[in-house]
């Protein structure tokens, strides 16, 4: 699943947000962000359970486009239906509260950093004669955006860790992290202050790589591939960064995967312990483990299981890999 570009999107060319003033615009972003987080939460919930290797439903035999028999793992709706059967409809929103707080903190922090360190506005430069000026502008804007993203990630990450752990409790039916404040106290007591920042480094690395690759690729495409004389040049340029974001998110997905897995690893929950995962000493250890899985299974096999860990005891890995290739429905 492709990851979305970090940070909130600003409305182009002003509009209602500008008319409402800075405080009104910030409040609007918080509300919109909270709505998007709530709407997308079931999808992220199912995605996380698959990432940690929890597959309670057996795969079904089907045929691919070539007519070859394959094993299809349950899709999102099948998995979501299973969660509803176990926990009810409210179960789809397990861990939503800390995630909403994390999103709100991230939005507010970005706004505060932007006010404290404003970036001087520069006119759009697209002429090839001004490539150096244009590139300098992109570097400045990306550096500023990177600073905002890193600070907001640092501030919001503790709540992100709590949200991840609340969600993976579905695997072992635990109630260890039942509330935000109790979870804060438990993590501090058991792991110290560093427990709130497990998985932070790969998340920040993923964010930084995403920003620089996305912005630089979009800049070079808009500068060298899009002719200013073309009537739809401005329209194409407006979509270039969005398309690059989708492509680059595939490159940075492993960093986000490792960060999320480290957030739940060896924290006393079944999803973070063997047989779902070994206890990792660091995120680099986790990265190497997953890389070894990719080399062992091959790219197709690794993607078929979303590069996650061995299957749950109820459905061992060997059963899926016996004779049929495995795909995700």
C-alpha atoms as a PDB file:
ATOM      1  CA  UNK A   1       0.000   0.000   0.000  1.00  0.00           C
ATOM      2  CA  UNK A   2       1.395   3.308  -0.964  1.00  0.00           C
ATOM      3  CA  UNK A   3       2.037   5.740   1.728  1.00  0.00           C
ATOM      4  CA  UNK A   4       0.592   9.235   1.510  1.00  0.00           C
ATOM      5  CA  UNK A   5       2.896  12.278   1.334  1.00  0.00           C
ATOM      6  CA  UNK A   6       3.669  13.582   4.838  1.00  0.00           C
ATOM      7  CA  UNK A   7       1.968  16.679   6.121  1.00  0.00           C
ATOM      8  CA  UNK A   8      -1.287  18.438   5.386  1.00  0.00           C
ATOM      9  CA  UNK A   9      -2.041  19.842   1.967  1.00  0.00           C
ATOM     10  CA  UNK A  10      -2.614  23.577   1.577  1.00  0.00           C
ATOM     11  CA  UNK A  11      -5.405  24.992  -0.536  1.00  0.00           C
ATOM     12  CA  UNK A  12      -4.053  26.363  -3.852  1.00  0.00           C
ATOM     13  CA  UNK A  13      -4.277  30.058  -4.563  1.00  0.00           C
ATOM     14  CA  UNK A  14      -5.825  31.069  -1.272  1.00  0.00           C
ATOM     15  CA  UNK A  15      -9.574  30.886  -0.789  1.00  0.00           C
ATOM     16  CA  UNK A  16     -11.697  30.163   2.251  1.00  0.00           C
ATOM     17  CA  UNK A  17      -8.699  29.259   4.397  1.00  0.00           C
ATOM     18  CA  UNK A  18      -7.027  32.640   3.710  1.00  0.00           C
ATOM     19  CA  UNK A  19     -10.246  34.533   4.308  1.00  0.00           C
ATOM     20  CA  UNK A  20     -10.699  32.893   7.686  1.00  0.00           C
ATOM     21  CA  UNK A  21      -7.266  34.071   8.838  1.00  0.00           C
ATOM     22  CA  UNK A  22      -4.272  32.060  10.088  1.00  0.00           C
ATOM     23  CA  UNK A  23      -6.019  30.758  13.214  1.00  0.00           C
ATOM     24  CA  UNK A  24      -9.128  29.782  11.290  1.00  0.00           C
ATOM     25  CA  UNK A  25      -7.047  28.089   8.609  1.00  0.00           C
ATOM     26  CA  UNK A  26      -5.133  26.103  11.217  1.00  0.00           C
ATOM     27  CA  UNK A  27      -8.358  25.025  12.884  1.00  0.00           C
ATOM     28  CA  UNK A  28      -9.759  24.017   9.503  1.00  0.00           C
ATOM     29  CA  UNK A  29      -6.680  21.907   8.769  1.00  0.00           C
ATOM     30  CA  UNK A  30      -6.999  20.206  12.160  1.00  0.00           C
ATOM     31  CA  UNK A  31     -10.652  19.342  11.531  1.00  0.00           C
ATOM     32  CA  UNK A  32     -10.023  18.136   7.982  1.00  0.00           C
ATOM     33  CA  UNK A  33      -7.041  16.110   9.131  1.00  0.00           C
ATOM     34  CA  UNK A  34      -9.050  14.513  11.930  1.00  0.00           C
ATOM     35  CA  UNK A  35     -11.813  13.602   9.496  1.00  0.00           C
ATOM     36  CA  UNK A  36      -9.389  11.995   7.055  1.00  0.00           C
ATOM     37  CA  UNK A  37      -7.669  10.098   9.866  1.00  0.00           C
ATOM     38  CA  UNK A  38     -10.985   8.743  11.169  1.00  0.00           C
ATOM     39  CA  UNK A  39     -12.174   7.759   7.689  1.00  0.00           C
ATOM     40  CA  UNK A  40      -8.935   5.967   6.799  1.00  0.00           C
ATOM     41  CA  UNK A  41      -8.406   4.309  10.188  1.00  0.00           C
ATOM     42  CA  UNK A  42     -10.006   0.921   9.354  1.00  0.00           C
ATOM     43  CA  UNK A  43      -7.745   0.650   6.300  1.00  0.00           C
ATOM     44  CA  UNK A  44      -4.621   1.402   8.327  1.00  0.00           C
ATOM     45  CA  UNK A  45      -5.810  -0.987  11.054  1.00  0.00           C
ATOM     46  CA  UNK A  46      -6.142  -3.911   8.645  1.00  0.00           C
ATOM     47  CA  UNK A  47      -2.853  -2.987   6.984  1.00  0.00           C
ATOM     48  CA  UNK A  48      -1.013  -3.067  10.320  1.00  0.00           C
ATOM     49  CA  UNK A  49      -2.448  -6.457  11.287  1.00  0.00           C
ATOM     50  CA  UNK A  50      -1.288  -7.901   7.970  1.00  0.00           C
ATOM     51  CA  UNK A  51       2.144  -6.314   8.397  1.00  0.00           C
ATOM     52  CA  UNK A  52       2.712  -8.009  11.755  1.00  0.00           C
ATOM     53  CA  UNK A  53       1.778 -11.340  10.177  1.00  0.00           C
ATOM     54  CA  UNK A  54      -1.677 -11.882  11.685  1.00  0.00           C
ATOM     55  CA  UNK A  55      -3.672 -13.919   9.176  1.00  0.00           C
ATOM     56  CA  UNK A  56      -6.630 -15.479  11.024  1.00  0.00           C
ATOM     57  CA  UNK A  57      -8.460 -16.363   7.819  1.00  0.00           C
ATOM     58  CA  UNK A  58      -7.210 -19.104   5.481  1.00  0.00           C
ATOM     59  CA  UNK A  59      -6.427 -18.182   1.873  1.00  0.00           C
ATOM     60  CA  UNK A  60      -8.765 -19.223  -0.896  1.00  0.00           C
ATOM     61  CA  UNK A  61      -7.817 -20.960  -4.127  1.00  0.00           C
ATOM     62  CA  UNK A  62      -8.424 -18.964  -7.277  1.00  0.00           C
ATOM     63  CA  UNK A  63      -6.928 -18.304 -10.675  1.00  0.00           C
ATOM     64  CA  UNK A  64      -4.868 -15.388 -11.884  1.00  0.00           C
ATOM     65  CA  UNK A  65      -5.161 -13.674 -15.263  1.00  0.00           C
ATOM     66  CA  UNK A  66      -3.076 -16.435 -16.842  1.00  0.00           C
ATOM     67  CA  UNK A  67      -5.403 -19.124 -15.528  1.00  0.00           C
ATOM     68  CA  UNK A  68      -2.850 -20.431 -13.049  1.00  0.00           C
ATOM     69  CA  UNK A  69      -4.068 -21.585  -9.632  1.00  0.00           C
ATOM     70  CA  UNK A  70      -2.993 -19.312  -6.797  1.00  0.00           C
ATOM     71  CA  UNK A  71      -3.790 -18.846  -3.123  1.00  0.00           C
ATOM     72  CA  UNK A  72      -5.458 -15.495  -2.429  1.00  0.00           C
ATOM     73  CA  UNK A  73      -5.109 -13.964   1.016  1.00  0.00           C
ATOM     74  CA  UNK A  74      -8.204 -12.171   2.348  1.00  0.00           C
ATOM     75  CA  UNK A  75      -8.696  -8.646   1.044  1.00  0.00           C
ATOM     76  CA  UNK A  76      -9.517  -5.554   3.071  1.00  0.00           C
ATOM     77  CA  UNK A  77     -13.290  -6.052   3.191  1.00  0.00           C
ATOM     78  CA  UNK A  78     -12.992  -9.716   4.192  1.00  0.00           C
ATOM     79  CA  UNK A  79     -10.515  -8.845   6.936  1.00  0.00           C
ATOM     80  CA  UNK A  80     -12.627  -5.913   8.115  1.00  0.00           C
ATOM     81  CA  UNK A  81     -15.693  -8.156   8.249  1.00  0.00           C
ATOM     82  CA  UNK A  82     -13.753 -10.560  10.467  1.00  0.00           C
ATOM     83  CA  UNK A  83     -12.837  -7.727  12.842  1.00  0.00           C
ATOM     84  CA  UNK A  84     -16.496  -6.680  13.032  1.00  0.00           C
ATOM     85  CA  UNK A  85     -17.501 -10.275  13.830  1.00  0.00           C
ATOM     86  CA  UNK A  86     -14.995 -10.389  16.691  1.00  0.00           C
ATOM     87  CA  UNK A  87     -15.150  -6.852  18.123  1.00  0.00           C
ATOM     88  CA  UNK A  88     -18.230  -5.295  16.546  1.00  0.00           C
ATOM     89  CA  UNK A  89     -18.247  -2.220  14.325  1.00  0.00           C
ATOM     90  CA  UNK A  90     -16.512  -0.141  16.986  1.00  0.00           C
ATOM     91  CA  UNK A  91     -13.638  -2.598  16.781  1.00  0.00           C
ATOM     92  CA  UNK A  92     -12.647  -1.149  13.411  1.00  0.00           C
ATOM     93  CA  UNK A  93     -11.670   2.043  15.242  1.00  0.00           C
ATOM     94  CA  UNK A  94      -9.442   0.491  17.892  1.00  0.00           C
ATOM     95  CA  UNK A  95      -6.530   2.871  18.526  1.00  0.00           C
ATOM     96  CA  UNK A  96      -8.241   5.816  16.830  1.00  0.00           C
ATOM     97  CA  UNK A  97      -8.097   8.198  19.815  1.00  0.00           C
ATOM     98  CA  UNK A  98      -4.281   8.304  20.160  1.00  0.00           C
ATOM     99  CA  UNK A  99      -4.002   8.477  16.376  1.00  0.00           C
ATOM    100  CA  UNK A 100      -6.300  11.509  16.285  1.00  0.00           C
ATOM    101  CA  UNK A 101      -4.225  13.176  19.001  1.00  0.00           C
ATOM    102  CA  UNK A 102      -1.047  12.347  17.086  1.00  0.00           C
ATOM    103  CA  UNK A 103      -2.470  13.849  13.886  1.00  0.00           C
ATOM    104  CA  UNK A 104      -3.613  16.987  15.707  1.00  0.00           C
ATOM    105  CA  UNK A 105      -0.218  17.445  17.367  1.00  0.00           C
ATOM    106  CA  UNK A 106       1.477  17.008  14.000  1.00  0.00           C
ATOM    107  CA  UNK A 107      -0.712  19.631  12.302  1.00  0.00           C
ATOM    108  CA  UNK A 108      -0.348  22.163  15.126  1.00  0.00           C
ATOM    109  CA  UNK A 109       3.408  21.619  15.337  1.00  0.00           C
ATOM    110  CA  UNK A 110       3.863  22.137  11.607  1.00  0.00           C
ATOM    111  CA  UNK A 111       1.898  25.375  11.817  1.00  0.00           C
ATOM    112  CA  UNK A 112       3.922  26.586  14.805  1.00  0.00           C
ATOM    113  CA  UNK A 113       7.258  25.804  13.154  1.00  0.00           C
ATOM    114  CA  UNK A 114       6.109  27.519   9.961  1.00  0.00           C
ATOM    115  CA  UNK A 115       5.252  30.668  11.938  1.00  0.00           C
ATOM    116  CA  UNK A 116       8.501  30.586  13.919  1.00  0.00           C
ATOM    117  CA  UNK A 117      10.656  30.039  10.827  1.00  0.00           C
ATOM    118  CA  UNK A 118       8.810  31.632   7.889  1.00  0.00           C
ATOM    119  CA  UNK A 119      10.055  30.952   4.388  1.00  0.00           C
ATOM    120  CA  UNK A 120      10.325  33.958   2.107  1.00  0.00           C
ATOM    121  CA  UNK A 121       8.038  33.594  -0.887  1.00  0.00           C
ATOM    122  CA  UNK A 122       9.780  33.258  -4.234  1.00  0.00           C
ATOM    123  CA  UNK A 123       8.269  33.632  -7.659  1.00  0.00           C
ATOM    124  CA  UNK A 124       7.835  30.503  -9.757  1.00  0.00           C
ATOM    125  CA  UNK A 125      10.802  29.956 -12.036  1.00  0.00           C
ATOM    126  CA  UNK A 126      10.491  27.513 -14.912  1.00  0.00           C
ATOM    127  CA  UNK A 127      12.740  28.968 -17.636  1.00  0.00           C
ATOM    128  CA  UNK A 128      15.722  26.728 -18.370  1.00  0.00           C
ATOM    129  CA  UNK A 129      17.986  29.801 -18.301  1.00  0.00           C
ATOM    130  CA  UNK A 130      17.197  30.137 -14.596  1.00  0.00           C
ATOM    131  CA  UNK A 131      17.758  26.502 -13.630  1.00  0.00           C
ATOM    132  CA  UNK A 132      20.178  27.384 -10.827  1.00  0.00           C
ATOM    133  CA  UNK A 133      17.745  29.884  -9.332  1.00  0.00           C
ATOM    134  CA  UNK A 134      14.870  27.450  -9.637  1.00  0.00           C
ATOM    135  CA  UNK A 135      16.859  24.593  -8.078  1.00  0.00           C
ATOM    136  CA  UNK A 136      17.945  26.860  -5.235  1.00  0.00           C
ATOM    137  CA  UNK A 137      14.295  27.633  -4.571  1.00  0.00           C
ATOM    138  CA  UNK A 138      13.380  23.932  -4.488  1.00  0.00           C
ATOM    139  CA  UNK A 139      16.250  23.178  -2.095  1.00  0.00           C
ATOM    140  CA  UNK A 140      15.194  25.986   0.250  1.00  0.00           C
ATOM    141  CA  UNK A 141      11.545  24.977   0.222  1.00  0.00           C
ATOM    142  CA  UNK A 142      12.339  21.294   0.710  1.00  0.00           C
ATOM    143  CA  UNK A 143      14.739  22.052   3.570  1.00  0.00           C
ATOM    144  CA  UNK A 144      12.052  24.133   5.247  1.00  0.00           C
ATOM    145  CA  UNK A 145       9.438  21.424   4.714  1.00  0.00           C
ATOM    146  CA  UNK A 146      11.860  18.785   6.012  1.00  0.00           C
ATOM    147  CA  UNK A 147      12.410  20.759   9.202  1.00  0.00           C
ATOM    148  CA  UNK A 148       8.655  21.056   9.787  1.00  0.00           C
ATOM    149  CA  UNK A 149       8.112  17.358   9.095  1.00  0.00           C
ATOM    150  CA  UNK A 150      10.938  16.179  11.367  1.00  0.00           C
ATOM    151  CA  UNK A 151       9.799  18.322  14.289  1.00  0.00           C
ATOM    152  CA  UNK A 152       6.145  17.341  13.889  1.00  0.00           C
ATOM    153  CA  UNK A 153       7.105  13.653  13.593  1.00  0.00           C
ATOM    154  CA  UNK A 154       9.172  13.886  16.786  1.00  0.00           C
ATOM    155  CA  UNK A 155       6.343  15.537  18.722  1.00  0.00           C
ATOM    156  CA  UNK A 156       3.579  13.223  17.495  1.00  0.00           C
ATOM    157  CA  UNK A 157       5.499   9.927  17.487  1.00  0.00           C
ATOM    158  CA  UNK A 158       4.768   8.911  21.120  1.00  0.00           C
ATOM    159  CA  UNK A 159       1.025   8.922  20.370  1.00  0.00           C
ATOM    160  CA  UNK A 160       1.703   7.040  17.140  1.00  0.00           C
ATOM    161  CA  UNK A 161       3.436   4.293  19.153  1.00  0.00           C
ATOM    162  CA  UNK A 162       0.470   4.058  21.517  1.00  0.00           C
ATOM    163  CA  UNK A 163      -1.961   3.868  18.597  1.00  0.00           C
ATOM    164  CA  UNK A 164       0.009   1.051  16.940  1.00  0.00           C
ATOM    165  CA  UNK A 165       0.106  -0.955  20.157  1.00  0.00           C
ATOM    166  CA  UNK A 166      -3.590  -0.459  20.806  1.00  0.00           C
ATOM    167  CA  UNK A 167      -4.378  -1.854  17.363  1.00  0.00           C
ATOM    168  CA  UNK A 168      -2.149  -4.943  17.491  1.00  0.00           C
ATOM    169  CA  UNK A 169      -3.760  -5.988  20.774  1.00  0.00           C
ATOM    170  CA  UNK A 170      -6.374  -7.547  18.503  1.00  0.00           C
ATOM    171  CA  UNK A 171      -3.901 -10.368  17.778  1.00  0.00           C
ATOM    172  CA  UNK A 172      -3.544 -11.605  21.354  1.00  0.00           C
ATOM    173  CA  UNK A 173      -6.795 -10.146  22.726  1.00  0.00           C
ATOM    174  CA  UNK A 174      -4.819  -8.122  25.282  1.00  0.00           C
ATOM    175  CA  UNK A 175      -6.018  -5.038  27.137  1.00  0.00           C
ATOM    176  CA  UNK A 176      -2.595  -3.803  28.196  1.00  0.00           C
ATOM    177  CA  UNK A 177      -3.007  -0.454  26.437  1.00  0.00           C
ATOM    178  CA  UNK A 178      -6.599   0.463  27.202  1.00  0.00           C
ATOM    179  CA  UNK A 179      -6.321   4.245  27.344  1.00  0.00           C
ATOM    180  CA  UNK A 180      -3.994   7.065  26.375  1.00  0.00           C
ATOM    181  CA  UNK A 181      -2.958   8.104  29.890  1.00  0.00           C
ATOM    182  CA  UNK A 182      -2.613   4.560  31.206  1.00  0.00           C
ATOM    183  CA  UNK A 183      -0.564   3.658  28.120  1.00  0.00           C
ATOM    184  CA  UNK A 184       1.739   6.626  28.714  1.00  0.00           C
ATOM    185  CA  UNK A 185       2.308   5.532  32.307  1.00  0.00           C
ATOM    186  CA  UNK A 186       2.896   1.902  31.352  1.00  0.00           C
ATOM    187  CA  UNK A 187       5.390   2.684  28.587  1.00  0.00           C
ATOM    188  CA  UNK A 188       7.318   5.081  30.823  1.00  0.00           C
ATOM    189  CA  UNK A 189       7.407   2.530  33.646  1.00  0.00           C
ATOM    190  CA  UNK A 190       8.478  -0.435  31.499  1.00  0.00           C
ATOM    191  CA  UNK A 191      10.663   1.169  28.823  1.00  0.00           C
ATOM    192  CA  UNK A 192      11.523   4.641  30.019  1.00  0.00           C
ATOM    193  CA  UNK A 193      11.389   7.765  27.898  1.00  0.00           C
ATOM    194  CA  UNK A 194      12.977   5.977  24.930  1.00  0.00           C
ATOM    195  CA  UNK A 195       9.971   3.673  24.744  1.00  0.00           C
ATOM    196  CA  UNK A 196       7.962   6.530  23.268  1.00  0.00           C
ATOM    197  CA  UNK A 197      10.381   6.915  20.362  1.00  0.00           C
ATOM    198  CA  UNK A 198      10.921   3.344  19.151  1.00  0.00           C
ATOM    199  CA  UNK A 199      10.735   3.324  15.370  1.00  0.00           C
ATOM    200  CA  UNK A 200      11.228   7.089  15.119  1.00  0.00           C
ATOM    201  CA  UNK A 201      14.487   6.974  13.126  1.00  0.00           C
ATOM    202  CA  UNK A 202      13.195   4.905  10.164  1.00  0.00           C
ATOM    203  CA  UNK A 203      10.046   7.038  10.051  1.00  0.00           C
ATOM    204  CA  UNK A 204      12.089  10.245   9.856  1.00  0.00           C
ATOM    205  CA  UNK A 205      14.431   8.737   7.267  1.00  0.00           C
ATOM    206  CA  UNK A 206      11.440   7.708   5.176  1.00  0.00           C
ATOM    207  CA  UNK A 207       9.930  11.187   5.446  1.00  0.00           C
ATOM    208  CA  UNK A 208      13.194  12.922   4.502  1.00  0.00           C
ATOM    209  CA  UNK A 209      13.886  10.642   1.533  1.00  0.00           C
ATOM    210  CA  UNK A 210      10.290  11.056   0.377  1.00  0.00           C
ATOM    211  CA  UNK A 211      10.421  14.854   0.486  1.00  0.00           C
ATOM    212  CA  UNK A 212      13.741  15.231  -1.323  1.00  0.00           C
ATOM    213  CA  UNK A 213      13.092  12.609  -3.996  1.00  0.00           C
ATOM    214  CA  UNK A 214       9.556  13.813  -4.656  1.00  0.00           C
ATOM    215  CA  UNK A 215      10.417  17.522  -4.844  1.00  0.00           C
ATOM    216  CA  UNK A 216      13.616  17.120  -6.867  1.00  0.00           C
ATOM    217  CA  UNK A 217      12.069  14.696  -9.352  1.00  0.00           C
ATOM    218  CA  UNK A 218       9.064  16.976  -9.803  1.00  0.00           C
ATOM    219  CA  UNK A 219      11.388  19.948 -10.300  1.00  0.00           C
ATOM    220  CA  UNK A 220      13.519  18.266 -12.962  1.00  0.00           C
ATOM    221  CA  UNK A 221      10.475  16.931 -14.809  1.00  0.00           C
ATOM    222  CA  UNK A 222       8.775  20.330 -14.768  1.00  0.00           C
ATOM    223  CA  UNK A 223      11.992  22.043 -15.876  1.00  0.00           C
ATOM    224  CA  UNK A 224      13.232  19.712 -18.608  1.00  0.00           C
ATOM    225  CA  UNK A 225      10.222  17.652 -19.713  1.00  0.00           C
ATOM    226  CA  UNK A 226       7.417  20.242 -19.674  1.00  0.00           C
ATOM    227  CA  UNK A 227       7.668  22.984 -22.290  1.00  0.00           C
ATOM    228  CA  UNK A 228       6.507  26.441 -21.184  1.00  0.00           C
ATOM    229  CA  UNK A 229       5.006  26.973 -24.642  1.00  0.00           C
ATOM    230  CA  UNK A 230       2.638  24.049 -24.152  1.00  0.00           C
ATOM    231  CA  UNK A 231      -0.884  25.312 -23.411  1.00  0.00           C
ATOM    232  CA  UNK A 232      -1.464  22.814 -20.579  1.00  0.00           C
ATOM    233  CA  UNK A 233       1.988  23.217 -18.997  1.00  0.00           C
ATOM    234  CA  UNK A 234       0.640  24.689 -15.757  1.00  0.00           C
ATOM    235  CA  UNK A 235      -1.919  21.897 -15.408  1.00  0.00           C
ATOM    236  CA  UNK A 236       0.708  19.211 -15.937  1.00  0.00           C
ATOM    237  CA  UNK A 237       3.041  20.846 -13.416  1.00  0.00           C
ATOM    238  CA  UNK A 238       0.283  20.911 -10.815  1.00  0.00           C
ATOM    239  CA  UNK A 239      -0.031  17.111 -11.015  1.00  0.00           C
ATOM    240  CA  UNK A 240       3.658  16.223 -11.341  1.00  0.00           C
ATOM    241  CA  UNK A 241       4.392  16.356  -7.625  1.00  0.00           C
ATOM    242  CA  UNK A 242       1.316  14.273  -6.822  1.00  0.00           C
ATOM    243  CA  UNK A 243       2.314  11.558  -9.301  1.00  0.00           C
ATOM    244  CA  UNK A 244       5.908  11.605  -8.067  1.00  0.00           C
ATOM    245  CA  UNK A 245       4.599  11.234  -4.510  1.00  0.00           C
ATOM    246  CA  UNK A 246       2.839   8.000  -5.407  1.00  0.00           C
ATOM    247  CA  UNK A 247       5.956   6.627  -7.115  1.00  0.00           C
ATOM    248  CA  UNK A 248       8.390   7.660  -4.384  1.00  0.00           C
ATOM    249  CA  UNK A 249       6.124   6.315  -1.624  1.00  0.00           C
ATOM    250  CA  UNK A 250       6.841   2.826  -2.953  1.00  0.00           C
ATOM    251  CA  UNK A 251      10.551   3.498  -2.417  1.00  0.00           C
ATOM    252  CA  UNK A 252      10.113   4.774   1.148  1.00  0.00           C
ATOM    253  CA  UNK A 253       7.513   2.203   2.225  1.00  0.00           C
ATOM    254  CA  UNK A 254      10.147  -0.142   3.755  1.00  0.00           C
ATOM    255  CA  UNK A 255      11.196   2.623   6.174  1.00  0.00           C
ATOM    256  CA  UNK A 256       7.610   3.158   7.321  1.00  0.00           C
ATOM    257  CA  UNK A 257       7.106  -0.608   7.606  1.00  0.00           C
ATOM    258  CA  UNK A 258      10.185  -1.034   9.802  1.00  0.00           C
ATOM    259  CA  UNK A 259       9.164   1.954  11.932  1.00  0.00           C
ATOM    260  CA  UNK A 260       5.685   0.548  12.590  1.00  0.00           C
ATOM    261  CA  UNK A 261       7.018  -2.934  13.330  1.00  0.00           C
ATOM    262  CA  UNK A 262       9.550  -1.541  15.799  1.00  0.00           C
ATOM    263  CA  UNK A 263       6.766   0.378  17.558  1.00  0.00           C
ATOM    264  CA  UNK A 264       5.092  -2.903  18.555  1.00  0.00           C
ATOM    265  CA  UNK A 265       8.134  -5.157  18.822  1.00  0.00           C
ATOM    266  CA  UNK A 266       9.003  -6.764  22.163  1.00  0.00           C
ATOM    267  CA  UNK A 267       6.526  -4.615  24.115  1.00  0.00           C
ATOM    268  CA  UNK A 268       4.782  -7.506  25.863  1.00  0.00           C
ATOM    269  CA  UNK A 269       2.104  -7.976  23.213  1.00  0.00           C
ATOM    270  CA  UNK A 270       1.733 -11.223  21.308  1.00  0.00           C
ATOM    271  CA  UNK A 271       2.025  -9.474  17.935  1.00  0.00           C
ATOM    272  CA  UNK A 272       5.519  -8.265  18.836  1.00  0.00           C
ATOM    273  CA  UNK A 273       6.859 -11.592  20.102  1.00  0.00           C
ATOM    274  CA  UNK A 274       7.721 -14.969  18.520  1.00  0.00           C
ATOM    275  CA  UNK A 275       6.361 -16.636  16.445  1.00  0.00           C
ATOM    276  CA  UNK A 276       5.169 -13.375  14.907  1.00  0.00           C
ATOM    277  CA  UNK A 277       8.539 -11.675  15.186  1.00  0.00           C
ATOM    278  CA  UNK A 278      11.897 -12.051  16.899  1.00  0.00           C
ATOM    279  CA  UNK A 279      12.866  -9.455  19.479  1.00  0.00           C
ATOM    280  CA  UNK A 280      14.853  -6.890  17.522  1.00  0.00           C
ATOM    281  CA  UNK A 281      17.791  -5.093  19.109  1.00  0.00           C
ATOM    282  CA  UNK A 282      17.364  -2.100  16.794  1.00  0.00           C
ATOM    283  CA  UNK A 283      15.572  -0.981  13.667  1.00  0.00           C
ATOM    284  CA  UNK A 284      18.647  -1.955  11.654  1.00  0.00           C
ATOM    285  CA  UNK A 285      18.284  -5.508  12.984  1.00  0.00           C
ATOM    286  CA  UNK A 286      14.647  -5.449  11.830  1.00  0.00           C
ATOM    287  CA  UNK A 287      15.667  -4.110   8.409  1.00  0.00           C
ATOM    288  CA  UNK A 288      18.251  -6.854   7.960  1.00  0.00           C
ATOM    289  CA  UNK A 289      15.742  -9.502   9.022  1.00  0.00           C
ATOM    290  CA  UNK A 290      13.210  -8.331   6.454  1.00  0.00           C
ATOM    291  CA  UNK A 291      15.921  -8.056   3.797  1.00  0.00           C
ATOM    292  CA  UNK A 292      16.869 -11.667   4.479  1.00  0.00           C
ATOM    293  CA  UNK A 293      13.212 -12.641   4.088  1.00  0.00           C
ATOM    294  CA  UNK A 294      13.126 -10.909   0.703  1.00  0.00           C
ATOM    295  CA  UNK A 295      16.260 -12.728  -0.452  1.00  0.00           C
ATOM    296  CA  UNK A 296      14.903 -16.052   0.806  1.00  0.00           C
ATOM    297  CA  UNK A 297      11.398 -15.779  -0.667  1.00  0.00           C
ATOM    298  CA  UNK A 298      12.185 -13.629  -3.682  1.00  0.00           C
ATOM    299  CA  UNK A 299      10.586 -10.299  -4.448  1.00  0.00           C
ATOM    300  CA  UNK A 300       7.227 -11.800  -5.443  1.00  0.00           C
ATOM    301  CA  UNK A 301       6.975 -13.930  -2.331  1.00  0.00           C
ATOM    302  CA  UNK A 302       7.962 -11.069  -0.071  1.00  0.00           C
ATOM    303  CA  UNK A 303       5.431  -8.723  -1.627  1.00  0.00           C
ATOM    304  CA  UNK A 304       2.815 -11.449  -1.400  1.00  0.00           C
ATOM    305  CA  UNK A 305       3.100 -11.329   2.365  1.00  0.00           C
ATOM    306  CA  UNK A 306       3.763  -7.566   2.482  1.00  0.00           C
ATOM    307  CA  UNK A 307       7.289  -8.308   3.675  1.00  0.00           C
ATOM    308  CA  UNK A 308       5.869  -9.286   7.043  1.00  0.00           C
ATOM    309  CA  UNK A 309       6.781 -12.022   9.450  1.00  0.00           C
ATOM    310  CA  UNK A 310       5.907 -15.721   9.477  1.00  0.00           C
ATOM    311  CA  UNK A 311       2.227 -16.524   9.482  1.00  0.00           C
ATOM    312  CA  UNK A 312       0.196 -16.999  12.632  1.00  0.00           C
ATOM    313  CA  UNK A 313       0.294 -20.412  14.324  1.00  0.00           C
ATOM    314  CA  UNK A 314      -3.280 -21.080  13.178  1.00  0.00           C
ATOM    315  CA  UNK A 315      -2.107 -20.995   9.567  1.00  0.00           C
ATOM    316  CA  UNK A 316       1.605 -21.809   9.307  1.00  0.00           C
ATOM    317  CA  UNK A 317       3.770 -20.329   6.604  1.00  0.00           C
ATOM    318  CA  UNK A 318       4.596 -23.729   5.150  1.00  0.00           C
ATOM    319  CA  UNK A 319       0.949 -24.360   4.303  1.00  0.00           C
ATOM    320  CA  UNK A 320       0.834 -21.297   2.090  1.00  0.00           C
ATOM    321  CA  UNK A 321       4.163 -21.958   0.420  1.00  0.00           C
ATOM    322  CA  UNK A 322       3.629 -25.671  -0.159  1.00  0.00           C
ATOM    323  CA  UNK A 323       2.772 -25.859  -3.844  1.00  0.00           C
ATOM    324  CA  UNK A 324       0.814 -22.793  -4.881  1.00  0.00           C
ATOM    325  CA  UNK A 325       2.049 -19.206  -5.190  1.00  0.00           C
ATOM    326  CA  UNK A 326       0.462 -16.807  -2.748  1.00  0.00           C
ATOM    327  CA  UNK A 327      -1.135 -13.503  -3.710  1.00  0.00           C
ATOM    328  CA  UNK A 328      -3.018 -10.775  -1.923  1.00  0.00           C
ATOM    329  CA  UNK A 329      -6.645 -10.410  -2.913  1.00  0.00           C
END
